[in-house]
Protein backbone atom coordinates (compact mmCIF):
# COMPACT_ATOMS: atom_id res chain seq x y z
CA MET A 1 30.82 -22.45 10.46
CA SER A 2 29.71 -25.94 9.52
CA ARG A 3 26.46 -26.64 7.72
CA LYS A 4 25.03 -28.24 10.84
CA ASN A 5 25.82 -25.17 12.96
CA ALA A 6 24.39 -22.88 10.28
CA ARG A 7 21.14 -24.90 10.16
CA GLN A 8 20.91 -24.88 13.95
CA LYS A 9 21.40 -21.12 14.03
CA ILE A 10 18.70 -20.59 11.37
CA SER A 11 16.38 -23.01 13.15
CA SER A 12 16.97 -21.24 16.45
CA LEU A 13 16.21 -17.87 14.84
CA GLN A 14 12.98 -19.19 13.31
CA ILE A 15 11.90 -20.64 16.66
CA ARG A 16 12.58 -17.29 18.36
CA ARG A 17 10.60 -15.46 15.65
CA LEU A 18 7.72 -17.91 16.02
CA THR A 19 7.77 -17.46 19.80
CA TYR A 20 7.82 -13.66 19.56
CA ALA A 21 5.05 -13.72 16.94
CA ALA A 22 2.92 -15.91 19.21
CA LEU A 23 3.51 -13.43 22.02
CA TYR A 24 2.42 -10.52 19.79
CA LEU A 25 -0.69 -12.44 18.79
CA ALA A 26 -1.53 -13.06 22.45
CA ILE A 27 -1.00 -9.37 23.22
CA ALA A 28 -3.26 -8.40 20.30
CA LEU A 29 -6.00 -10.63 21.68
CA VAL A 30 -5.69 -9.44 25.30
CA LEU A 31 -4.80 -5.73 25.00
CA PRO A 32 -8.31 -4.64 23.93
CA PHE A 33 -9.65 -6.07 27.21
CA LEU A 34 -7.29 -3.79 29.13
CA THR A 35 -8.02 -0.66 27.12
CA GLY A 36 -11.72 -1.54 27.24
CA GLN A 37 -11.64 -0.40 30.86
CA ILE A 38 -11.68 3.17 29.49
CA PRO A 39 -14.97 3.04 27.54
CA GLU A 40 -14.83 6.64 26.32
CA ILE A 41 -11.68 6.09 24.25
CA SER A 42 -10.99 2.35 24.26
CA SER A 43 -11.56 1.73 20.55
CA MET A 44 -9.88 5.04 19.71
CA LEU A 45 -6.64 3.73 21.25
CA CYS A 46 -6.36 1.12 18.46
CA PRO A 47 -4.83 -1.44 20.83
CA MET A 48 -4.52 -4.25 18.28
CA HIS A 49 -2.38 -2.12 15.99
CA ILE A 50 0.54 -1.96 18.43
CA PRO A 51 1.39 -5.70 18.42
CA ALA A 52 1.14 -5.90 14.62
CA LEU A 53 3.53 -2.98 14.19
CA LEU A 54 5.94 -4.32 16.80
CA CYS A 55 5.89 -7.77 15.26
CA GLY A 56 6.90 -6.28 11.91
CA PHE A 57 9.75 -4.33 13.49
CA VAL A 58 11.01 -7.18 15.66
CA CYS A 59 10.31 -10.37 13.69
CA GLY A 60 10.29 -9.15 10.10
CA TRP A 61 7.71 -8.49 7.43
CA PRO A 62 6.34 -12.04 6.92
CA TRP A 63 5.63 -12.40 10.62
CA GLY A 64 4.24 -8.88 10.97
CA LEU A 65 1.98 -9.45 7.97
CA ALA A 66 0.73 -12.79 9.34
CA ILE A 67 0.08 -11.57 12.89
CA GLY A 68 -1.49 -8.36 11.61
CA PHE A 69 -3.84 -10.32 9.35
CA ILE A 70 -4.74 -13.09 11.80
CA SER A 71 -5.27 -11.14 15.03
CA PRO A 72 -8.46 -9.16 14.20
CA LEU A 73 -10.05 -12.18 12.51
CA LEU A 74 -9.20 -14.47 15.41
CA ARG A 75 -10.35 -11.93 18.00
CA SER A 76 -13.61 -11.50 16.08
CA LEU A 77 -14.16 -15.28 16.10
CA LEU A 78 -13.27 -15.69 19.77
CA CYS A 79 -14.75 -12.54 21.30
CA GLY A 80 -17.17 -11.13 18.77
CA MET A 81 -15.22 -7.88 18.60
CA PRO A 82 -14.38 -6.40 16.26
CA THR A 83 -17.44 -7.31 14.23
CA ALA A 84 -16.78 -9.61 11.28
CA TYR A 85 -17.21 -6.71 8.84
CA ALA A 86 -14.73 -4.51 10.73
CA ALA A 87 -12.34 -7.43 11.26
CA VAL A 88 -11.93 -8.00 7.52
CA ALA A 89 -10.87 -4.40 6.86
CA MET A 90 -8.69 -4.40 9.99
CA ALA A 91 -6.99 -7.63 8.89
CA PHE A 92 -5.75 -6.04 5.67
CA GLU A 93 -4.87 -2.78 7.43
CA MET A 94 -2.85 -4.48 10.16
CA ALA A 95 -1.20 -6.87 7.70
CA ALA A 96 0.02 -3.78 5.84
CA TYR A 97 1.30 -2.29 9.12
CA GLY A 98 3.32 -5.38 9.93
CA ALA A 99 4.64 -5.87 6.40
CA VAL A 100 5.66 -2.24 5.80
CA ALA A 101 7.22 -1.91 9.27
CA GLY A 102 9.21 -5.10 8.75
CA ILE A 103 10.42 -4.23 5.25
CA LEU A 104 11.43 -0.63 5.96
CA TYR A 105 13.03 -1.43 9.32
CA ARG A 106 15.18 -4.07 7.66
CA ILE A 107 16.37 -1.95 4.72
CA LEU A 108 16.80 1.46 6.38
CA PRO A 109 19.87 2.33 8.47
CA LYS A 110 19.46 1.74 12.19
CA LYS A 111 19.24 5.43 13.10
CA GLY A 112 16.73 7.12 15.40
CA TRP A 113 14.90 8.81 12.52
CA SER A 114 14.41 5.52 10.67
CA ILE A 115 12.18 4.08 13.39
CA TYR A 116 9.86 7.09 13.16
CA PHE A 117 9.95 7.13 9.35
CA THR A 118 9.16 3.41 9.25
CA LEU A 119 6.37 3.75 11.79
CA LEU A 120 4.72 6.74 10.13
CA THR A 121 4.96 5.17 6.67
CA ALA A 122 3.46 1.90 7.94
CA MET A 123 0.64 3.79 9.64
CA VAL A 124 -0.21 5.79 6.49
CA VAL A 125 -0.03 2.76 4.18
CA GLY A 126 -2.14 0.67 6.59
CA ARG A 127 -4.82 3.33 6.81
CA ILE A 128 -4.92 3.68 3.02
CA VAL A 129 -5.29 -0.11 2.73
CA TRP A 130 -8.07 -0.01 5.33
CA GLY A 131 -9.86 2.69 3.32
CA GLY A 132 -9.51 0.68 0.10
CA VAL A 133 -10.92 -2.45 1.70
CA GLN A 134 -13.76 -0.47 3.30
CA PHE A 135 -14.56 1.01 -0.11
CA LEU A 136 -14.63 -2.47 -1.71
CA LEU A 137 -16.77 -3.91 1.09
CA ALA A 138 -19.19 -0.98 0.82
CA GLY A 139 -19.51 -1.67 -2.92
CA LEU A 140 -20.17 -5.35 -2.30
CA LEU A 141 -22.80 -4.55 0.31
CA SER A 142 -24.36 -1.69 -1.68
CA SER A 143 -23.57 0.84 1.01
CA GLU A 144 -21.54 4.02 0.99
CA PHE A 145 -17.96 4.74 2.01
CA SER A 146 -17.08 8.36 1.32
CA LEU A 147 -13.97 10.47 1.88
CA PRO A 148 -15.44 12.00 5.09
CA LEU A 149 -16.10 8.48 6.42
CA PHE A 150 -12.52 7.49 5.54
CA LEU A 151 -11.04 10.55 7.25
CA SER A 152 -13.23 10.00 10.30
CA GLY A 153 -12.33 6.33 10.65
CA ALA A 154 -8.67 6.53 9.65
CA VAL A 155 -7.68 9.80 11.28
CA THR A 156 -10.15 11.73 13.44
CA ASN A 157 -11.42 8.84 15.56
CA ALA A 158 -7.95 7.28 15.74
CA ILE A 159 -6.03 10.33 17.03
CA PRO A 160 -5.55 8.93 20.57
CA GLY A 161 -4.25 5.64 19.12
CA ILE A 162 -1.99 7.45 16.66
CA ILE A 163 -0.47 9.47 19.51
CA VAL A 164 0.06 6.35 21.65
CA GLN A 165 1.70 4.53 18.72
CA ILE A 166 4.01 7.45 17.88
CA ILE A 167 5.16 7.68 21.50
CA LEU A 168 5.23 4.03 22.56
CA ILE A 169 6.47 2.06 19.55
CA PRO A 170 9.77 3.92 18.96
CA ILE A 171 10.60 3.61 22.66
CA LEU A 172 9.89 -0.14 22.65
CA VAL A 173 11.76 -0.77 19.39
CA ALA A 174 14.80 1.23 20.56
CA ALA A 175 14.80 -0.65 23.88
CA MET A 176 14.59 -4.00 22.10
CA GLU A 177 17.38 -2.96 19.73
CA LYS A 178 19.56 -2.02 22.68
CA ALA A 179 18.82 -5.34 24.39
CA GLY A 180 19.57 -7.26 21.19
CA LEU A 181 16.04 -8.63 20.94
CA THR A 182 15.21 -7.60 17.37
CA LEU A 183 15.23 -10.53 14.97
CA ASN A 184 14.57 -8.63 11.74
CA SER A 185 17.89 -8.91 9.96
């Protein structure tokens, strides 16, 4: 392969990653409007987490990290939700989701178990990061962030979203793998 062809192939791959990442950002901005139609559990579904995780799997860790970090901050600026305080913690949490999903998906063998392992690891790391940022923000604002508050926010209140992510994301990643649409190599 000539240098020109190699550069064109790399450039084409970067353009595809940028396009996919933009799509995931758009989904992260719009999906909460759709889940918001179910007021009882809309925030519990964690709709913005899904695009960040998928972006990590499909586009790679730098893109997953960037989309995960940007989407809650941008949505807070544009729509007022999440609140600025919540958006900061979510930005770090979702950046961790995208980064961990992208790194593990790239280095682990492409077996069925690895998608679940990657997803669960990313979800745990992201929630720990969220708790750490919440703890730091509480210290800066002279408020409290205790273990019960962490468990409530990271686990108990998020159970519907955790279930949706565990069911939906492996199906979507496997389908995209099969269609040759994953760009994380």
